[in-house]
Amino acid sequence: MRGTAFVVGGLLLVGGAGLVVIADQQREAAFEQTRVQAELAARRLSEARDTNYRLAETLTALRSQIAEQDARLNDESGFLE
C-alpha cells in the first residue's frame, strides 16, 4: 500500500510539474503576443500622429486663405485691393 501511494504521489508530482511547465509556456506566449500587439499599436499611433501633423499644416494654410478671402469680401472701402 505504501508503495502504491509512493507511485501515485510521484505521478501526481510529475503531472503537476508538467502542468506548471505548460502554464508557463502559455503565459510566455501570451506575453509575447501582447508585446507584439503593443508595438503594432505604437507604430499605428505614430503613423496617425504624423498624418495628423500633415493635416494640421494643410488646415492652417486653408484657414489662412479663408481669412484672407473673407477680409477681401468684407472690405467695403476697397482698401485691400
PDB file of N, CA and C in Angstrom:
ATOM      1  N   MET A   1       0.828  -1.186   0.000  1.00  0.00           N
ATOM      2  CA  MET A   1       0.000   0.000   0.000  1.00  0.00           C
ATOM      3  C   MET A   1       0.878   1.258   0.000  1.00  0.00           C
ATOM      4  N   ARG A   2       1.917   1.200   0.803  1.00  0.00           N
ATOM      5  CA  ARG A   2       2.821   2.339   0.872  1.00  0.00           C
ATOM      6  C   ARG A   2       3.491   2.553  -0.483  1.00  0.00           C
ATOM      7  N   GLY A   3       3.822   1.501  -1.166  1.00  0.00           N
ATOM      8  CA  GLY A   3       4.444   1.584  -2.490  1.00  0.00           C
ATOM      9  C   GLY A   3       3.502   2.191  -3.509  1.00  0.00           C
ATOM     10  N   THR A   4       2.238   1.805  -3.442  1.00  0.00           N
ATOM     11  CA  THR A   4       1.238   2.360  -4.356  1.00  0.00           C
ATOM     12  C   THR A   4       1.061   3.853  -4.119  1.00  0.00           C
ATOM     13  N   ALA A   5       1.021   4.236  -2.862  1.00  0.00           N
ATOM     14  CA  ALA A   5       0.889   5.653  -2.516  1.00  0.00           C
ATOM     15  C   ALA A   5       2.106   6.427  -3.013  1.00  0.00           C
ATOM     16  N   PHE A   6       3.284   5.823  -2.899  1.00  0.00           N
ATOM     17  CA  PHE A   6       4.510   6.470  -3.364  1.00  0.00           C
ATOM     18  C   PHE A   6       4.475   6.657  -4.885  1.00  0.00           C
ATOM     19  N   VAL A   7       4.030   5.627  -5.615  1.00  0.00           N
ATOM     20  CA  VAL A   7       3.946   5.703  -7.077  1.00  0.00           C
ATOM     21  C   VAL A   7       2.900   6.736  -7.495  1.00  0.00           C
ATOM     22  N   VAL A   8       1.728   6.710  -6.866  1.00  0.00           N
ATOM     23  CA  VAL A   8       0.673   7.674  -7.201  1.00  0.00           C
ATOM     24  C   VAL A   8       1.137   9.089  -6.872  1.00  0.00           C
ATOM     25  N   GLY A   9       1.793   9.263  -5.750  1.00  0.00           N
ATOM     26  CA  GLY A   9       2.314  10.589  -5.382  1.00  0.00           C
ATOM     27  C   GLY A   9       3.346  11.073  -6.384  1.00  0.00           C
ATOM     28  N   GLY A  10       4.214  10.174  -6.827  1.00  0.00           N
ATOM     29  CA  GLY A  10       5.214  10.534  -7.829  1.00  0.00           C
ATOM     30  C   GLY A  10       4.572  10.925  -9.140  1.00  0.00           C
ATOM     31  N   LEU A  11       3.551  10.181  -9.548  1.00  0.00           N
ATOM     32  CA  LEU A  11       2.845  10.514 -10.781  1.00  0.00           C
ATOM     33  C   LEU A  11       2.146  11.876 -10.674  1.00  0.00           C
ATOM     34  N   LEU A  12       1.548  12.131  -9.517  1.00  0.00           N
ATOM     35  CA  LEU A  12       0.904  13.430  -9.301  1.00  0.00           C
ATOM     36  C   LEU A  12       1.937  14.563  -9.333  1.00  0.00           C
ATOM     37  N   LEU A  13       3.100  14.293  -8.751  1.00  0.00           N
ATOM     38  CA  LEU A  13       4.164  15.301  -8.733  1.00  0.00           C
ATOM     39  C   LEU A  13       4.659  15.588 -10.149  1.00  0.00           C
ATOM     40  N   VAL A  14       4.885  14.547 -10.927  1.00  0.00           N
ATOM     41  CA  VAL A  14       5.340  14.722 -12.306  1.00  0.00           C
ATOM     42  C   VAL A  14       4.251  15.401 -13.135  1.00  0.00           C
ATOM     43  N   GLY A  15       3.001  14.996 -12.968  1.00  0.00           N
ATOM     44  CA  GLY A  15       1.890  15.625 -13.687  1.00  0.00           C
ATOM     45  C   GLY A  15       1.742  17.094 -13.326  1.00  0.00           C
ATOM     46  N   GLY A  16       1.882  17.405 -12.050  1.00  0.00           N
ATOM     47  CA  GLY A  16       1.794  18.804 -11.608  1.00  0.00           C
ATOM     48  C   GLY A  16       2.926  19.642 -12.178  1.00  0.00           C
ATOM     49  N   ALA A  17       4.122  19.074 -12.193  1.00  0.00           N
ATOM     50  CA  ALA A  17       5.263  19.797 -12.763  1.00  0.00           C
ATOM     51  C   ALA A  17       5.034  20.034 -14.254  1.00  0.00           C
ATOM     52  N   GLY A  18       4.478  19.039 -14.936  1.00  0.00           N
ATOM     53  CA  GLY A  18       4.170  19.203 -16.362  1.00  0.00           C
ATOM     54  C   GLY A  18       3.152  20.298 -16.589  1.00  0.00           C
ATOM     55  N   LEU A  19       2.146  20.353 -15.735  1.00  0.00           N
ATOM     56  CA  LEU A  19       1.130  21.409 -15.859  1.00  0.00           C
ATOM     57  C   LEU A  19       1.739  22.788 -15.619  1.00  0.00           C
ATOM     58  N   VAL A  20       2.652  22.870 -14.666  1.00  0.00           N
ATOM     59  CA  VAL A  20       3.305  24.148 -14.388  1.00  0.00           C
ATOM     60  C   VAL A  20       4.122  24.587 -15.596  1.00  0.00           C
ATOM     61  N   VAL A  21       4.836  23.659 -16.225  1.00  0.00           N
ATOM     62  CA  VAL A  21       5.641  23.988 -17.403  1.00  0.00           C
ATOM     63  C   VAL A  21       4.740  24.449 -18.550  1.00  0.00           C
ATOM     64  N   ILE A  22       3.642  23.740 -18.786  1.00  0.00           N
ATOM     65  CA  ILE A  22       2.714  24.113 -19.861  1.00  0.00           C
ATOM     66  C   ILE A  22       2.096  25.480 -19.584  1.00  0.00           C
ATOM     67  N   ALA A  23       1.708  25.718 -18.347  1.00  0.00           N
ATOM     68  CA  ALA A  23       1.112  27.014 -17.991  1.00  0.00           C
ATOM     69  C   ALA A  23       2.127  28.133 -18.182  1.00  0.00           C
ATOM     70  N   ASP A  24       3.394  27.888 -17.847  1.00  0.00           N
ATOM     71  CA  ASP A  24       4.429  28.892 -18.014  1.00  0.00           C
ATOM     72  C   ASP A  24       4.658  29.185 -19.496  1.00  0.00           C
ATOM     73  N   GLN A  25       4.639  28.158 -20.323  1.00  0.00           N
ATOM     74  CA  GLN A  25       4.791  28.363 -21.763  1.00  0.00           C
ATOM     75  C   GLN A  25       3.628  29.166 -22.329  1.00  0.00           C
ATOM     76  N   GLN A  26       2.433  28.884 -21.877  1.00  0.00           N
ATOM     77  CA  GLN A  26       1.263  29.636 -22.336  1.00  0.00           C
ATOM     78  C   GLN A  26       1.344  31.088 -21.876  1.00  0.00           C
ATOM     79  N   ARG A  27       1.816  31.294 -20.661  1.00  0.00           N
ATOM     80  CA  ARG A  27       1.969  32.663 -20.146  1.00  0.00           C
ATOM     81  C   ARG A  27       2.991  33.423 -20.973  1.00  0.00           C
ATOM     82  N   GLU A  28       4.110  32.784 -21.302  1.00  0.00           N
ATOM     83  CA  GLU A  28       5.132  33.435 -22.120  1.00  0.00           C
ATOM     84  C   GLU A  28       4.607  33.736 -23.522  1.00  0.00           C
ATOM     85  N   ALA A  29       3.846  32.819 -24.093  1.00  0.00           N
ATOM     86  CA  ALA A  29       3.270  33.047 -25.420  1.00  0.00           C
ATOM     87  C   ALA A  29       2.288  34.210 -25.381  1.00  0.00           C
ATOM     88  N   ALA A  30       1.474  34.273 -24.346  1.00  0.00           N
ATOM     89  CA  ALA A  30       0.514  35.372 -24.213  1.00  0.00           C
ATOM     90  C   ALA A  30       1.243  36.700 -24.022  1.00  0.00           C
ATOM     91  N   PHE A  31       2.327  36.679 -23.248  1.00  0.00           N
ATOM     92  CA  PHE A  31       3.113  37.890 -23.031  1.00  0.00           C
ATOM     93  C   PHE A  31       3.735  38.359 -24.337  1.00  0.00           C
ATOM     94  N   GLU A  32       4.279  37.436 -25.111  1.00  0.00           N
ATOM     95  CA  GLU A  32       4.887  37.786 -26.402  1.00  0.00           C
ATOM     96  C   GLU A  32       3.840  38.349 -27.347  1.00  0.00           C
ATOM     97  N   GLN A  33       2.665  37.751 -27.378  1.00  0.00           N
ATOM     98  CA  GLN A  33       1.587  38.239 -28.234  1.00  0.00           C
ATOM     99  C   GLN A  33       1.168  39.649 -27.810  1.00  0.00           C
ATOM    100  N   THR A  34       1.091  39.885 -26.526  1.00  0.00           N
ATOM    101  CA  THR A  34       0.730  41.211 -26.019  1.00  0.00           C
ATOM    102  C   THR A  34       1.796  42.233 -26.372  1.00  0.00           C
ATOM    103  N   ARG A  35       3.068  41.845 -26.285  1.00  0.00           N
ATOM    104  CA  ARG A  35       4.165  42.752 -26.624  1.00  0.00           C
ATOM    105  C   ARG A  35       4.108  43.126 -28.108  1.00  0.00           C
ATOM    106  N   VAL A  36       3.857  42.150 -28.964  1.00  0.00           N
ATOM    107  CA  VAL A  36       3.758  42.414 -30.401  1.00  0.00           C
ATOM    108  C   VAL A  36       2.583  43.346 -30.695  1.00  0.00           C
ATOM    109  N   GLN A  37       1.454  43.113 -30.047  1.00  0.00           N
ATOM    110  CA  GLN A  37       0.288  43.978 -30.254  1.00  0.00           C
ATOM    111  C   GLN A  37       0.566  45.393 -29.761  1.00  0.00           C
ATOM    112  N   ALA A  38       1.295  45.525 -28.651  1.00  0.00           N
ATOM    113  CA  ALA A  38       1.633  46.855 -28.134  1.00  0.00           C
ATOM    114  C   ALA A  38       2.556  47.592 -29.106  1.00  0.00           C
ATOM    115  N   GLU A  39       3.521  46.889 -29.687  1.00  0.00           N
ATOM    116  CA  GLU A  39       4.409  47.514 -30.667  1.00  0.00           C
ATOM    117  C   GLU A  39       3.640  47.939 -31.913  1.00  0.00           C
ATOM    118  N   LEU A  40       2.722  47.094 -32.342  1.00  0.00           N
ATOM    119  CA  LEU A  40       1.896  47.427 -33.510  1.00  0.00           C
ATOM    120  C   LEU A  40       1.025  48.650 -33.226  1.00  0.00           C
ATOM    121  N   ALA A  41       0.455  48.710 -32.042  1.00  0.00           N
ATOM    122  CA  ALA A  41      -0.372  49.863 -31.669  1.00  0.00           C
ATOM    123  C   ALA A  41       0.474  51.133 -31.600  1.00  0.00           C
ATOM    124  N   ALA A  42       1.694  51.021 -31.083  1.00  0.00           N
ATOM    125  CA  ALA A  42       2.583  52.189 -31.003  1.00  0.00           C
ATOM    126  C   ALA A  42       2.953  52.667 -32.398  1.00  0.00           C
ATOM    127  N   ARG A  43       3.191  51.732 -33.308  1.00  0.00           N
ATOM    128  CA  ARG A  43       3.524  52.098 -34.681  1.00  0.00           C
ATOM    129  C   ARG A  43       2.339  52.789 -35.355  1.00  0.00           C
ATOM    130  N   ARG A  44       1.132  52.243 -35.150  1.00  0.00           N
ATOM    131  CA  ARG A  44      -0.062  52.865 -35.742  1.00  0.00           C
ATOM    132  C   ARG A  44      -0.306  54.251 -35.151  1.00  0.00           C
ATOM    133  N   LEU A  45      -0.053  54.399 -33.850  1.00  0.00           N
ATOM    134  CA  LEU A  45      -0.217  55.708 -33.212  1.00  0.00           C
ATOM    135  C   LEU A  45       0.759  56.721 -33.783  1.00  0.00           C
ATOM    136  N   SER A  46       1.993  56.296 -34.001  1.00  0.00           N
ATOM    137  CA  SER A  46       2.993  57.186 -34.580  1.00  0.00           C
ATOM    138  C   SER A  46       2.601  57.604 -35.993  1.00  0.00           C
ATOM    139  N   GLU A  47       2.125  56.653 -36.793  1.00  0.00           N
ATOM    140  CA  GLU A  47       1.687  56.974 -38.156  1.00  0.00           C
ATOM    141  C   GLU A  47       0.493  57.917 -38.133  1.00  0.00           C
ATOM    142  N   ALA A  48      -0.433  57.682 -37.229  1.00  0.00           N
ATOM    143  CA  ALA A  48      -1.607  58.556 -37.116  1.00  0.00           C
ATOM    144  C   ALA A  48      -1.189  59.956 -36.687  1.00  0.00           C
ATOM    145  N   ARG A  49      -0.232  60.042 -35.782  1.00  0.00           N
ATOM    146  CA  ARG A  49       0.254  61.343 -35.321  1.00  0.00           C
ATOM    147  C   ARG A  49       0.905  62.109 -36.473  1.00  0.00           C
ATOM    148  N   ASP A  50       1.722  61.410 -37.272  1.00  0.00           N
ATOM    149  CA  ASP A  50       2.350  62.057 -38.424  1.00  0.00           C
ATOM    150  C   ASP A  50       1.303  62.550 -39.410  1.00  0.00           C
ATOM    151  N   THR A  51       0.298  61.734 -39.653  1.00  0.00           N
ATOM    152  CA  THR A  51      -0.786  62.135 -40.562  1.00  0.00           C
ATOM    153  C   THR A  51      -1.526  63.347 -40.011  1.00  0.00           C
ATOM    154  N   ASN A  52      -1.773  63.351 -38.722  1.00  0.00           N
ATOM    155  CA  ASN A  52      -2.466  64.487 -38.102  1.00  0.00           C
ATOM    156  C   ASN A  52      -1.653  65.773 -38.229  1.00  0.00           C
ATOM    157  N   TYR A  53      -0.322  65.673 -38.076  1.00  0.00           N
ATOM    158  CA  TYR A  53       0.518  66.869 -38.223  1.00  0.00           C
ATOM    159  C   TYR A  53       0.447  67.416 -39.646  1.00  0.00           C
ATOM    160  N   ARG A  54       0.500  66.513 -40.633  1.00  0.00           N
ATOM    161  CA  ARG A  54       0.406  66.964 -42.033  1.00  0.00           C
ATOM    162  C   ARG A  54      -0.955  67.603 -42.306  1.00  0.00           C
ATOM    163  N   LEU A  55      -2.012  66.987 -41.795  1.00  0.00           N
ATOM    164  CA  LEU A  55      -3.353  67.542 -41.996  1.00  0.00           C
ATOM    165  C   LEU A  55      -3.504  68.881 -41.278  1.00  0.00           C
ATOM    166  N   ALA A  56      -2.898  69.009 -40.113  1.00  0.00           N
ATOM    167  CA  ALA A  56      -2.966  70.279 -39.380  1.00  0.00           C
ATOM    168  C   ALA A  56      -2.263  71.387 -40.157  1.00  0.00           C
ATOM    169  N   GLU A  57      -1.147  71.061 -40.784  1.00  0.00           N
ATOM    170  CA  GLU A  57      -0.453  72.066 -41.598  1.00  0.00           C
ATOM    171  C   GLU A  57      -1.328  72.503 -42.773  1.00  0.00           C
ATOM    172  N   THR A  58      -1.957  71.534 -43.425  1.00  0.00           N
ATOM    173  CA  THR A  58      -2.848  71.847 -44.540  1.00  0.00           C
ATOM    174  C   THR A  58      -4.029  72.684 -44.063  1.00  0.00           C
ATOM    175  N   LEU A  59      -4.592  72.313 -42.927  1.00  0.00           N
ATOM    176  CA  LEU A  59      -5.728  73.051 -42.372  1.00  0.00           C
ATOM    177  C   LEU A  59      -5.341  74.481 -42.028  1.00  0.00           C
ATOM    178  N   THR A  60      -4.157  74.657 -41.473  1.00  0.00           N
ATOM    179  CA  THR A  60      -3.702  76.010 -41.136  1.00  0.00           C
ATOM    180  C   THR A  60      -3.580  76.861 -42.396  1.00  0.00           C
ATOM    181  N   ALA A  61      -3.022  76.285 -43.456  1.00  0.00           N
ATOM    182  CA  ALA A  61      -2.891  77.020 -44.717  1.00  0.00           C
ATOM    183  C   ALA A  61      -4.265  77.371 -45.285  1.00  0.00           C
ATOM    184  N   LEU A  62      -5.180  76.432 -45.222  1.00  0.00           N
ATOM    185  CA  LEU A  62      -6.531  76.691 -45.732  1.00  0.00           C
ATOM    186  C   LEU A  62      -7.241  77.754 -44.901  1.00  0.00           C
ATOM    187  N   ARG A  63      -7.051  77.710 -43.593  1.00  0.00           N
ATOM    188  CA  ARG A  63      -7.678  78.736 -42.745  1.00  0.00           C
ATOM    189  C   ARG A  63      -7.121  80.123 -43.060  1.00  0.00           C
ATOM    190  N   SER A  64      -5.826  80.191 -43.339  1.00  0.00           N
ATOM    191  CA  SER A  64      -5.225  81.482 -43.704  1.00  0.00           C
ATOM    192  C   SER A  64      -5.822  82.004 -44.996  1.00  0.00           C
ATOM    193  N   GLN A  65      -5.983  81.103 -45.966  1.00  0.00           N
ATOM    194  CA  GLN A  65      -6.584  81.514 -47.238  1.00  0.00           C
ATOM    195  C   GLN A  65      -8.022  81.973 -47.046  1.00  0.00           C
ATOM    196  N   ILE A  66      -8.764  81.254 -46.231  1.00  0.00           N
ATOM    197  CA  ILE A  66     -10.156  81.638 -45.965  1.00  0.00           C
ATOM    198  C   ILE A  66     -10.216  82.996 -45.283  1.00  0.00           C
ATOM    199  N   ALA A  67      -9.337  83.226 -44.316  1.00  0.00           N
ATOM    200  CA  ALA A  67      -9.327  84.517 -43.613  1.00  0.00           C
ATOM    201  C   ALA A  67      -8.986  85.644 -44.572  1.00  0.00           C
ATOM    202  N   GLU A  68      -8.028  85.390 -45.462  1.00  0.00           N
ATOM    203  CA  GLU A  68      -7.652  86.409 -46.440  1.00  0.00           C
ATOM    204  C   GLU A  68      -8.809  86.708 -47.403  1.00  0.00           C
ATOM    205  N   GLN A  69      -9.467  85.671 -47.886  1.00  0.00           N
ATOM    206  CA  GLN A  69     -10.598  85.857 -48.787  1.00  0.00           C
ATOM    207  C   GLN A  69     -11.768  86.521 -48.074  1.00  0.00           C
ATOM    208  N   ASP A  70     -11.969  86.162 -46.821  1.00  0.00           N
ATOM    209  CA  ASP A  70     -13.042  86.773 -46.039  1.00  0.00           C
ATOM    210  C   ASP A  70     -12.773  88.259 -45.829  1.00  0.00           C
ATOM    211  N   ALA A  71     -11.510  88.603 -45.593  1.00  0.00           N
ATOM    212  CA  ALA A  71     -11.163  90.015 -45.416  1.00  0.00           C
ATOM    213  C   ALA A  71     -11.403  90.790 -46.706  1.00  0.00           C
ATOM    214  N   ARG A  72     -11.087  90.160 -47.842  1.00  0.00           N
ATOM    215  CA  ARG A  72     -11.334  90.836 -49.122  1.00  0.00           C
ATOM    216  C   ARG A  72     -12.828  91.031 -49.372  1.00  0.00           C
ATOM    217  N   LEU A  73     -13.633  90.024 -49.009  1.00  0.00           N
ATOM    218  CA  LEU A  73     -15.069  90.142 -49.209  1.00  0.00           C
ATOM    219  C   LEU A  73     -15.687  91.185 -48.298  1.00  0.00           C
ATOM    220  N   ASN A  74     -15.148  91.329 -47.103  1.00  0.00           N
ATOM    221  CA  ASN A  74     -15.700  92.290 -46.132  1.00  0.00           C
ATOM    222  C   ASN A  74     -15.136  93.681 -46.295  1.00  0.00           C
ATOM    223  N   ASP A  75     -14.205  93.868 -47.205  1.00  0.00           N
ATOM    224  CA  ASP A  75     -13.595  95.177 -47.409  1.00  0.00           C
ATOM    225  C   ASP A  75     -14.517  96.011 -48.292  1.00  0.00           C
ATOM    226  N   GLU A  76     -15.307  96.833 -47.659  1.00  0.00           N
ATOM    227  CA  GLU A  76     -16.271  97.654 -48.384  1.00  0.00           C
ATOM    228  C   GLU A  76     -15.645  98.907 -48.949  1.00  0.00           C
ATOM    229  N   SER A  77     -14.530  99.307 -48.411  1.00  0.00           N
ATOM    230  CA  SER A  77     -13.927 100.558 -48.872  1.00  0.00           C
ATOM    231  C   SER A  77     -12.998 100.342 -50.066  1.00  0.00           C
ATOM    232  N   GLY A  78     -12.665  99.071 -50.359  1.00  0.00           N
ATOM    233  CA  GLY A  78     -11.761  98.804 -51.464  1.00  0.00           C
ATOM    234  C   GLY A  78     -10.326  99.041 -51.098  1.00  0.00           C
ATOM    235  N   PHE A  79     -10.020  99.143 -49.832  1.00  0.00           N
ATOM    236  CA  PHE A  79      -8.677  99.477 -49.357  1.00  0.00           C
ATOM    237  C   PHE A  79      -7.683  98.338 -49.636  1.00  0.00           C
ATOM    238  N   LEU A  80      -8.129  97.094 -49.555  1.00  0.00           N
ATOM    239  CA  LEU A  80      -7.219  95.966 -49.662  1.00  0.00           C
ATOM    240  C   LEU A  80      -6.877  95.607 -51.100  1.00  0.00           C
ATOM    241  N   GLU A  81      -7.592  96.112 -52.073  1.00  0.00           N
ATOM    242  CA  GLU A  81      -7.342  95.749 -53.467  1.00  0.00           C
ATOM    243  C   GLU A  81      -6.195  96.459 -54.063  1.00  0.00           C
TER     244      GLU A  81
END
